[in-house]
Amino acid sequence: MTKKSLLSVGAVAAIVTLGLTSCSSGESGAEKETTSPEAAASSLTVWVDAERVDALQGAADSYSEEKGIEVNLVGKDTADIKDDFIQQVPTGKGPDVVMGAHDWLGELSTNGVVAPIELGDSAADYLPVAVDAATYEGTTYLLPYAVENIAVLRNTELVPEPAADFDDMIAKGQAAGLDQPFVVEQGAEGNPYHLYPFQTAFGAPVFGSNDEGYDPADLQIGNAGGDDFAAWLGSQGKNGTGVFNTDIDGDIAKQSFLDGKAAFWLTGPWNVGAATDAGIDVAIDTVPSPTDAAAAPFAGVKGFFVSAESKNKVAANDFLVNYIGTEDVQMDLFASGNVLPALAAAAEEASKDPIIAGFAAVGAESVPMPAIPAMGAVWENWGIAEATVINGADPKATWQKMAADVQSLIDG
């Protein structure tokens, strides 16, 4: 799904030309950038998560000192940054660069507010899933800095050894005297993000893929593997083992693990601190599979986009690739958020921490969350179908109706 090319002056110039052609009709055709960052810009405005400003200040200062281009870091509320970016870019008042998540890409591309990034040879320096996630319809738009995925947290006092598979996980928890060996966030409307690893183990991805990434014309969720997953899900629900329960939301799952009522908890790195603060000796395990295939969760990748309306695209690309894309800066970002770095060398360094190493091992089996606009037609129907199956509805009929409804939404 990646598209690699050599980083050269000519390649960067081509990217700049492409970006300029997408500018508003009100711009003069005489407004052209050179391939020299210093000649093209006197300053860069970079919108970032307010909690990451300090982590990036060193890179901004170094770039300003070495290139003579001031980098202005603007801390933004993460709840507002995407919508503000989409609204302001067409007016010419937005930033040159914005920090964000890879699954924004479909919306950002549809709105025409992002420009391609030229990673060049450095693409090989990143974790493969990070580059895949940064690529949309065959073009790279994101300089990745972090990869986040769920994994299984295990209370080592209750269960000293990792489970070999899903059934072994339940058996180990029961042997420890637990009525509820394993918890995962669900809720009345389901939670397909957390159940996706089990679905992939049955060979039922949401979409197929081609050389340019996920293919919205190839909906796979309703294939034979999907039927098998639905049948298994039903067998673990209300009328089966009861392992999955829609009454268990995020808070209940968390408290069950913190109270020692559950030995295994499928969640993300954002919850590790609560477990360790509660005095639990935590190990991070891969997601135990219900089949012979790996259970692959979604990966979310964080990074930086260049505005389609920036008049400083060469400088922006240079700052991202050659400054943000360095081990030191990616480690600074890791220290500020404790999320696995996207740069392979930084990821290796961060993985000296066994908790990070555990998430990294699961991340190696992960797949990028689809960023295509068609994904918007999937989530609600998907989650409700899973909740309905867990609560006792006919698995195959429910699953096939969901797949048909999703297809209709995509077609319509």
Protein backbone atom coordinates (compact mmCIF):
# COMPACT_ATOMS: atom_id res chain seq x y z
CA MET A 1 0.00 0.00 0.00
CA THR A 2 3.02 2.27 0.20
CA LYS A 3 4.44 4.36 -2.59
CA LYS A 4 8.17 5.01 -2.34
CA SER A 5 10.29 7.35 -4.40
CA LEU A 6 13.66 9.04 -4.12
CA LEU A 7 13.82 12.32 -2.27
CA SER A 8 15.29 14.75 -4.72
CA VAL A 9 14.96 18.39 -5.57
CA GLY A 10 12.99 17.46 -8.64
CA ALA A 11 10.61 15.25 -6.64
CA VAL A 12 9.96 17.95 -4.09
CA ALA A 13 9.38 20.47 -6.85
CA ALA A 14 6.79 18.16 -8.36
CA ILE A 15 4.98 17.94 -5.05
CA VAL A 16 4.99 21.71 -4.73
CA THR A 17 3.58 22.12 -8.23
CA LEU A 18 0.84 19.61 -7.50
CA GLY A 19 -0.06 21.44 -4.29
CA LEU A 20 -0.19 24.82 -5.99
CA THR A 21 -2.57 23.64 -8.67
CA SER A 22 -5.10 22.82 -5.97
CA CYS A 23 -5.07 26.35 -4.52
CA SER A 24 -8.08 28.60 -4.76
CA SER A 25 -8.82 30.41 -8.00
CA GLY A 26 -8.19 33.69 -6.26
CA GLU A 27 -4.41 33.08 -6.17
CA SER A 28 -2.18 34.56 -8.83
CA GLY A 29 -0.48 32.17 -11.18
CA ALA A 30 2.70 34.13 -10.59
CA GLU A 31 2.85 32.91 -6.98
CA LYS A 32 5.33 30.06 -7.24
CA GLU A 33 7.68 28.47 -4.75
CA THR A 34 11.30 27.63 -5.36
CA THR A 35 12.80 24.32 -4.27
CA SER A 36 14.86 26.08 -1.59
CA PRO A 37 13.09 26.13 1.79
CA GLU A 38 14.98 29.26 2.82
CA ALA A 39 13.97 31.14 -0.30
CA ALA A 40 10.38 29.99 -0.16
CA ALA A 41 9.43 30.88 3.40
CA SER A 42 10.25 33.15 6.31
CA SER A 43 8.05 31.26 8.77
CA LEU A 44 5.94 28.14 9.28
CA THR A 45 2.81 27.88 11.40
CA VAL A 46 2.28 24.45 12.94
CA TRP A 47 -0.89 23.48 14.80
CA VAL A 48 -0.28 20.79 17.39
CA ASP A 49 -2.02 19.10 20.29
CA ALA A 50 -1.53 21.55 23.17
CA GLU A 51 0.07 18.76 25.22
CA ARG A 52 2.79 18.23 22.59
CA VAL A 53 4.07 21.82 22.24
CA ASP A 54 6.95 21.33 24.68
CA ALA A 55 7.99 18.07 23.01
CA LEU A 56 8.28 19.83 19.64
CA GLN A 57 9.85 23.09 20.76
CA GLY A 58 13.38 21.77 20.39
CA ALA A 59 12.79 20.72 16.77
CA ALA A 60 11.16 24.06 16.00
CA ASP A 61 14.07 26.00 17.53
CA SER A 62 16.65 23.88 15.69
CA TYR A 63 14.93 24.39 12.36
CA SER A 64 14.64 28.13 12.93
CA GLU A 65 18.31 28.42 13.85
CA GLU A 66 19.63 26.23 11.04
CA LYS A 67 17.33 27.35 8.21
CA GLY A 68 16.44 30.89 9.21
CA ILE A 69 12.75 30.00 9.05
CA GLU A 70 10.77 30.67 12.19
CA VAL A 71 8.51 27.79 13.26
CA ASN A 72 5.49 28.97 15.23
CA LEU A 73 3.94 26.19 17.29
CA VAL A 74 0.27 26.80 18.09
CA GLY A 75 -1.26 24.59 20.78
CA LYS A 76 -4.80 23.50 19.91
CA ASP A 77 -7.54 21.55 21.64
CA THR A 78 -7.64 18.09 20.07
CA ALA A 79 -11.44 18.24 19.98
CA ASP A 80 -11.35 21.24 17.65
CA ILE A 81 -8.19 20.93 15.60
CA LYS A 82 -9.54 18.89 12.68
CA ASP A 83 -12.70 20.92 12.10
CA ASP A 84 -10.82 24.21 12.50
CA PHE A 85 -8.26 23.03 9.95
CA ILE A 86 -10.91 22.01 7.39
CA GLN A 87 -12.71 25.33 7.81
CA GLN A 88 -9.68 27.61 7.73
CA VAL A 89 -7.52 26.09 4.98
CA PRO A 90 -9.78 27.22 2.10
CA THR A 91 -9.65 30.78 3.45
CA GLY A 92 -5.87 30.84 3.39
CA LYS A 93 -5.78 31.52 7.12
CA GLY A 94 -4.99 28.02 8.29
CA PRO A 95 -1.57 26.65 9.31
CA ASP A 96 1.15 25.27 7.07
CA VAL A 97 1.20 22.02 9.08
CA VAL A 98 -1.29 20.34 11.38
CA MET A 99 -0.92 17.41 13.78
CA GLY A 100 -3.61 14.77 13.48
CA ALA A 101 -4.66 11.15 13.05
CA HIS A 102 -4.35 9.05 9.91
CA ASP A 103 -8.04 8.16 9.89
CA TRP A 104 -8.83 11.82 9.14
CA LEU A 105 -7.33 11.29 5.70
CA GLY A 106 -10.51 10.43 3.82
CA GLU A 107 -12.26 13.54 5.10
CA LEU A 108 -9.24 15.80 4.62
CA SER A 109 -8.66 14.53 1.08
CA THR A 110 -12.34 14.83 0.15
CA ASN A 111 -12.26 18.45 1.33
CA GLY A 112 -9.04 19.09 -0.63
CA VAL A 113 -7.17 20.54 2.35
CA VAL A 114 -4.01 18.41 2.44
CA ALA A 115 -1.00 18.21 0.15
CA PRO A 116 1.20 15.15 -0.51
CA ILE A 117 4.36 14.61 1.53
CA GLU A 118 7.55 13.25 -0.02
CA LEU A 119 9.14 10.81 2.44
CA GLY A 120 11.70 9.59 -0.09
CA ASP A 121 14.19 6.99 1.13
CA SER A 122 13.17 7.71 4.73
CA ALA A 123 9.93 5.75 4.19
CA ALA A 124 11.97 2.60 4.81
CA ASP A 125 12.90 3.90 8.27
CA TYR A 126 9.35 3.75 9.59
CA LEU A 127 7.27 0.85 10.87
CA PRO A 128 5.45 -0.60 7.83
CA VAL A 129 1.99 -0.10 9.35
CA ALA A 130 2.81 3.59 9.87
CA VAL A 131 3.66 4.13 6.21
CA ASP A 132 0.63 2.15 5.08
CA ALA A 133 -1.61 4.31 7.25
CA ALA A 134 0.04 7.48 5.96
CA THR A 135 -0.81 6.53 2.38
CA TYR A 136 -4.18 7.25 0.78
CA GLU A 137 -5.07 6.21 -2.76
CA GLY A 138 -1.41 5.54 -3.46
CA THR A 139 -0.11 8.91 -2.22
CA THR A 140 1.57 9.70 1.11
CA TYR A 141 -0.01 12.57 3.05
CA LEU A 142 1.22 12.06 6.60
CA LEU A 143 4.57 12.22 8.41
CA PRO A 144 3.92 9.59 11.10
CA TYR A 145 5.18 9.91 14.65
CA ALA A 146 3.21 7.35 16.72
CA VAL A 147 1.39 4.03 16.33
CA GLU A 148 -1.37 3.04 18.76
CA ASN A 149 -3.25 -0.25 19.06
CA ILE A 150 -5.03 -2.34 21.64
CA ALA A 151 -3.61 -5.44 23.32
CA VAL A 152 -4.44 -7.70 26.25
CA LEU A 153 -3.46 -6.50 29.71
CA ARG A 154 -2.84 -9.47 32.02
CA ASN A 155 -2.75 -9.44 35.81
CA THR A 156 0.36 -11.55 36.36
CA GLU A 157 -0.47 -12.22 40.02
CA LEU A 158 -3.70 -13.92 38.96
CA VAL A 159 -2.37 -15.57 35.78
CA PRO A 160 1.45 -15.78 35.57
CA GLU A 161 1.69 -17.06 31.98
CA PRO A 162 0.17 -15.70 28.73
CA ALA A 163 -2.66 -17.60 27.08
CA ALA A 164 -1.99 -19.74 24.01
CA ASP A 165 -5.33 -18.87 22.43
CA PHE A 166 -8.78 -17.53 23.29
CA ASP A 167 -10.08 -20.72 24.90
CA ASP A 168 -6.88 -21.07 26.92
CA MET A 169 -7.30 -17.48 28.15
CA ILE A 170 -10.76 -18.26 29.51
CA ALA A 171 -9.55 -21.55 31.01
CA LYS A 172 -6.61 -19.87 32.76
CA GLY A 173 -8.89 -17.24 34.26
CA GLN A 174 -11.34 -19.86 35.48
CA ALA A 175 -8.50 -21.89 36.98
CA ALA A 176 -7.60 -18.77 38.95
CA GLY A 177 -11.07 -18.87 40.45
CA LEU A 178 -12.55 -16.04 38.43
CA ASP A 179 -16.15 -15.97 37.25
CA GLN A 180 -15.21 -13.29 34.71
CA PRO A 181 -11.74 -14.14 33.36
CA PHE A 182 -11.76 -11.63 30.50
CA VAL A 183 -13.32 -8.21 29.94
CA VAL A 184 -13.60 -5.99 26.90
CA GLU A 185 -15.52 -2.77 26.42
CA GLN A 186 -18.84 -3.20 24.61
CA GLY A 187 -22.06 -1.36 25.45
CA ALA A 188 -25.60 -1.32 24.10
CA GLU A 189 -24.50 -0.32 20.58
CA GLY A 190 -21.51 -2.66 20.47
CA ASN A 191 -17.86 -1.79 19.98
CA PRO A 192 -16.44 -3.23 16.74
CA TYR A 193 -13.09 -1.48 17.26
CA HIS A 194 -12.39 -3.69 20.26
CA LEU A 195 -13.78 -6.86 18.68
CA TYR A 196 -11.99 -6.42 15.34
CA PRO A 197 -8.97 -8.59 16.26
CA PHE A 198 -11.28 -11.58 16.68
CA GLN A 199 -13.04 -10.80 13.40
CA THR A 200 -9.76 -10.69 11.48
CA ALA A 201 -8.88 -14.10 12.90
CA PHE A 202 -11.82 -15.46 10.89
CA GLY A 203 -10.60 -13.81 7.66
CA ALA A 204 -13.25 -11.09 7.55
CA PRO A 205 -11.70 -7.64 7.03
CA VAL A 206 -14.03 -4.71 6.52
CA PHE A 207 -12.66 -3.89 3.05
CA GLY A 208 -10.35 -5.59 0.62
CA SER A 209 -7.27 -3.74 -0.56
CA ASN A 210 -5.26 -3.06 -3.70
CA ASP A 211 -1.97 -1.33 -4.52
CA GLU A 212 -3.44 2.03 -3.45
CA GLY A 213 -4.80 0.87 -0.07
CA TYR A 214 -8.28 -0.08 1.07
CA ASP A 215 -10.75 -0.50 -1.79
CA PRO A 216 -14.21 0.96 -1.04
CA ALA A 217 -15.63 -1.07 -3.92
CA ASP A 218 -14.59 -4.33 -2.23
CA LEU A 219 -16.68 -4.70 0.94
CA GLN A 220 -15.48 -7.90 2.62
CA ILE A 221 -17.28 -7.76 5.94
CA GLY A 222 -20.11 -10.01 4.76
CA ASN A 223 -17.93 -12.80 3.34
CA ALA A 224 -17.93 -16.39 4.60
CA GLY A 225 -15.42 -15.48 7.28
CA GLY A 226 -17.83 -12.85 8.53
CA ASP A 227 -20.53 -15.47 8.92
CA ASP A 228 -18.10 -17.67 10.85
CA PHE A 229 -17.14 -14.79 13.11
CA ALA A 230 -20.79 -13.94 13.77
CA ALA A 231 -21.51 -17.56 14.69
CA TRP A 232 -18.57 -17.62 17.09
CA LEU A 233 -19.59 -14.26 18.57
CA GLY A 234 -23.07 -15.59 19.24
CA SER A 235 -21.60 -18.65 20.95
CA GLN A 236 -19.70 -16.35 23.33
CA GLY A 237 -22.71 -14.16 24.07
CA LYS A 238 -25.86 -14.19 26.16
CA ASN A 239 -27.05 -17.62 24.99
CA GLY A 240 -23.56 -19.13 25.07
CA THR A 241 -20.59 -18.74 27.37
CA GLY A 242 -21.46 -15.16 28.32
CA VAL A 243 -17.87 -13.97 27.79
CA PHE A 244 -19.15 -11.01 25.76
CA ASN A 245 -21.76 -8.85 27.44
CA THR A 246 -23.22 -5.57 26.17
CA ASP A 247 -23.83 -4.49 29.77
CA ILE A 248 -20.07 -4.10 30.14
CA ASP A 249 -19.03 -0.64 29.00
CA GLY A 250 -15.57 0.90 29.27
CA ASP A 251 -15.88 1.94 32.90
CA ILE A 252 -17.22 -1.44 34.05
CA ALA A 253 -14.50 -3.34 32.18
CA LYS A 254 -11.85 -1.12 33.71
CA GLN A 255 -13.15 -1.49 37.25
CA SER A 256 -13.43 -5.26 36.92
CA PHE A 257 -9.76 -5.48 36.04
CA LEU A 258 -8.67 -2.97 38.69
CA ASP A 259 -10.64 -4.86 41.35
CA GLY A 260 -9.03 -8.18 40.39
CA LYS A 261 -12.32 -9.68 39.20
CA ALA A 262 -10.89 -10.17 35.69
CA ALA A 263 -7.39 -11.37 34.84
CA PHE A 264 -7.40 -10.26 31.19
CA TRP A 265 -8.49 -6.89 29.75
CA LEU A 266 -8.49 -6.02 26.06
CA THR A 267 -7.74 -2.29 25.91
CA GLY A 268 -5.20 0.30 24.81
CA PRO A 269 -2.07 1.92 26.26
CA TRP A 270 -4.23 4.77 27.57
CA ASN A 271 -5.42 2.47 30.38
CA VAL A 272 -2.09 1.02 31.49
CA GLY A 273 -1.45 3.85 33.94
CA ALA A 274 -4.70 3.17 35.82
CA ALA A 275 -3.72 -0.50 36.22
CA THR A 276 -0.20 0.18 37.43
CA ASP A 277 -1.42 2.95 39.74
CA ALA A 278 -3.74 0.36 41.29
CA GLY A 279 -0.69 -1.75 42.12
CA ILE A 280 -1.32 -4.41 39.49
CA ASP A 281 1.69 -6.12 37.98
CA VAL A 282 0.70 -5.88 34.31
CA ALA A 283 2.00 -7.82 31.32
CA ILE A 284 1.03 -6.98 27.75
CA ASP A 285 0.00 -9.98 25.62
CA THR A 286 -0.97 -10.42 22.00
CA VAL A 287 -4.71 -10.84 21.46
CA PRO A 288 -5.48 -14.56 21.96
CA SER A 289 -6.98 -15.85 18.75
CA PRO A 290 -10.09 -18.03 18.51
CA THR A 291 -8.66 -19.63 15.32
CA ASP A 292 -5.30 -20.69 13.96
CA ALA A 293 -4.83 -17.23 12.37
CA ALA A 294 -3.49 -14.16 14.15
CA ALA A 295 -5.96 -11.77 15.77
CA ALA A 296 -4.97 -8.43 14.21
CA PRO A 297 -6.30 -5.22 15.78
CA PHE A 298 -6.66 -1.85 14.12
CA ALA A 299 -3.70 0.50 14.31
CA GLY A 300 -4.18 4.22 14.65
CA VAL A 301 -1.28 6.35 13.43
CA LYS A 302 -0.64 9.92 14.53
CA GLY A 303 1.35 12.38 12.49
CA PHE A 304 1.52 15.67 10.62
CA PHE A 305 -0.25 16.91 7.48
CA VAL A 306 0.76 19.75 5.15
CA SER A 307 -1.95 22.20 4.15
CA ALA A 308 -2.95 22.20 0.48
CA GLU A 309 -3.04 26.01 0.65
CA SER A 310 0.36 26.48 2.29
CA LYS A 311 2.69 28.71 0.30
CA ASN A 312 5.58 27.09 2.15
CA LYS A 313 5.22 23.44 1.16
CA VAL A 314 8.92 22.88 0.52
CA ALA A 315 9.87 24.19 3.95
CA ALA A 316 7.02 22.29 5.58
CA ASN A 317 8.12 19.02 3.93
CA ASP A 318 11.72 19.69 4.93
CA PHE A 319 10.80 20.40 8.56
CA LEU A 320 8.66 17.28 8.84
CA VAL A 321 10.89 14.77 7.08
CA ASN A 322 14.27 15.99 8.30
CA TYR A 323 13.44 17.27 11.79
CA ILE A 324 10.23 15.67 13.08
CA GLY A 325 11.26 12.45 11.38
CA THR A 326 14.41 12.05 13.51
CA GLU A 327 14.94 9.64 16.37
CA ASP A 328 15.52 12.38 18.96
CA VAL A 329 12.30 14.23 18.16
CA GLN A 330 10.24 11.06 17.92
CA MET A 331 11.58 10.05 21.34
CA ASP A 332 10.64 13.49 22.70
CA LEU A 333 7.12 12.91 21.40
CA PHE A 334 7.15 9.43 22.93
CA ALA A 335 8.13 10.87 26.30
CA SER A 336 5.20 13.28 26.13
CA GLY A 337 2.58 10.64 25.31
CA ASN A 338 4.08 7.18 25.98
CA VAL A 339 2.80 5.89 22.63
CA LEU A 340 5.01 3.70 20.40
CA PRO A 341 7.05 5.86 17.99
CA ALA A 342 6.46 5.39 14.26
CA LEU A 343 10.16 5.65 13.38
CA ALA A 344 11.62 2.14 13.68
CA ALA A 345 14.81 3.19 15.50
CA ALA A 346 12.82 5.18 18.05
CA ALA A 347 10.34 2.31 18.41
CA GLU A 348 13.21 -0.05 19.19
CA GLU A 349 14.57 2.35 21.81
CA ALA A 350 11.15 2.87 23.39
CA SER A 351 10.60 -0.89 23.47
CA LYS A 352 13.22 -1.24 26.18
CA ASP A 353 10.16 -0.65 28.35
CA PRO A 354 8.40 -4.06 28.51
CA ILE A 355 4.96 -2.44 28.40
CA ILE A 356 5.81 -0.61 25.17
CA ALA A 357 7.46 -3.76 23.81
CA GLY A 358 4.24 -5.67 24.43
CA PHE A 359 2.14 -3.17 22.50
CA ALA A 360 4.78 -3.10 19.76
CA ALA A 361 4.57 -6.88 19.37
CA VAL A 362 0.81 -6.66 18.93
CA GLY A 363 1.24 -3.66 16.64
CA ALA A 364 3.40 -5.76 14.34
CA GLU A 365 0.27 -7.80 13.60
CA SER A 366 -2.04 -4.79 13.35
CA VAL A 367 -3.63 -3.24 10.27
CA PRO A 368 -4.35 0.45 9.69
CA MET A 369 -7.85 1.56 10.50
CA PRO A 370 -9.44 2.36 7.12
CA ALA A 371 -9.35 6.09 6.40
CA ILE A 372 -11.54 5.90 3.30
CA PRO A 373 -14.82 7.89 3.40
CA ALA A 374 -16.79 4.68 2.90
CA MET A 375 -15.82 3.67 6.43
CA GLY A 376 -18.34 6.20 7.69
CA ALA A 377 -21.11 3.94 6.38
CA VAL A 378 -19.85 0.99 8.41
CA TRP A 379 -19.42 1.82 12.10
CA GLU A 380 -22.99 2.21 13.39
CA ASN A 381 -24.52 -0.77 11.57
CA TRP A 382 -21.50 -2.90 12.41
CA GLY A 383 -21.61 -2.20 16.14
CA ILE A 384 -25.36 -2.66 16.46
CA ALA A 385 -25.17 -5.98 14.58
CA GLU A 386 -22.48 -7.25 16.94
CA ALA A 387 -24.48 -6.19 20.00
CA THR A 388 -27.59 -7.86 18.58
CA VAL A 389 -25.73 -11.12 17.96
CA ILE A 390 -24.21 -11.05 21.46
CA ASN A 391 -27.71 -10.64 22.86
CA GLY A 392 -29.01 -13.75 21.13
CA ALA A 393 -30.16 -12.84 17.61
CA ASP A 394 -29.55 -15.21 14.70
CA PRO A 395 -25.88 -14.65 13.84
CA LYS A 396 -25.90 -15.26 10.10
CA ALA A 397 -29.14 -13.42 9.34
CA THR A 398 -28.10 -10.44 11.48
CA TRP A 399 -24.65 -10.28 9.96
CA GLN A 400 -25.82 -10.55 6.37
CA LYS A 401 -28.45 -7.87 6.87
CA MET A 402 -25.79 -5.60 8.33
CA ALA A 403 -23.48 -6.21 5.36
CA ALA A 404 -26.33 -5.52 2.91
CA ASP A 405 -27.28 -2.31 4.73
CA VAL A 406 -23.68 -1.11 4.71
CA GLN A 407 -23.37 -1.85 1.00
CA SER A 408 -26.55 0.12 0.32
CA LEU A 409 -25.20 3.09 2.23
CA ILE A 410 -21.95 2.98 0.28
CA ASP A 411 -23.79 2.65 -3.04
CA GLY A 412 -26.27 5.38 -2.19
